[in-house]
Amino acid sequence: MSSSDSQEFVTVTIGGQLFGIPVLAVQDVLGPQKITRVPLAPPEIAGALNLRGRIVTAVDVRRRLNLPPRAAGEEGMSVVVEHKGEAYSLLIDSVGEVLAVPLGAFERNPATLNSRWREVSGGVYRLEGKLLVVLEVERLLDFSGAVQAA
């Protein structure tokens, strides 16, 4: 498969669901990090972390997707993305592989997909026995609607 007829995603798992983040949006993958809470931040903002001297906003993707919090003691991971010149750490459960999927297999979000997920998803790919939900970084990091709905 050439790169012109496929799209590559970094696969991540959040709450048992497989998601894909476009590989070109991903800057770094980190293990568990020390996160400092930010007073008065929206509930989806877990806090801030220091990434090689740069302050990065940490976004709790579970909370953003209306999923229950991770069990106590379960360490998560971070995928660092850039949006409008700022770095963000997306807190997820685990990182999988870089997966190339054929463009022809792309589907619009199904009507049955959770409405909160549809807000941040660009579509889906049906894989063998799994659904890969494509996360749109711009929409995931747009808190204007999330704050009003909270």
Foldseek 3Di string as FASTA:
>chain_A
DDCVFWFKFWWAAAPNAIATEGPVFFDDKFWFFDFDQDPPDPPQFRHWGADPNAIATEGALCVLLVHDDDPPPQTWMWTWGDDPRGIYTYTGRGIDGIDIDGPVQWDAADPPPDPSLNQQFRTWGDDVVHIYTYGDVVSSPPCPVVRVVD
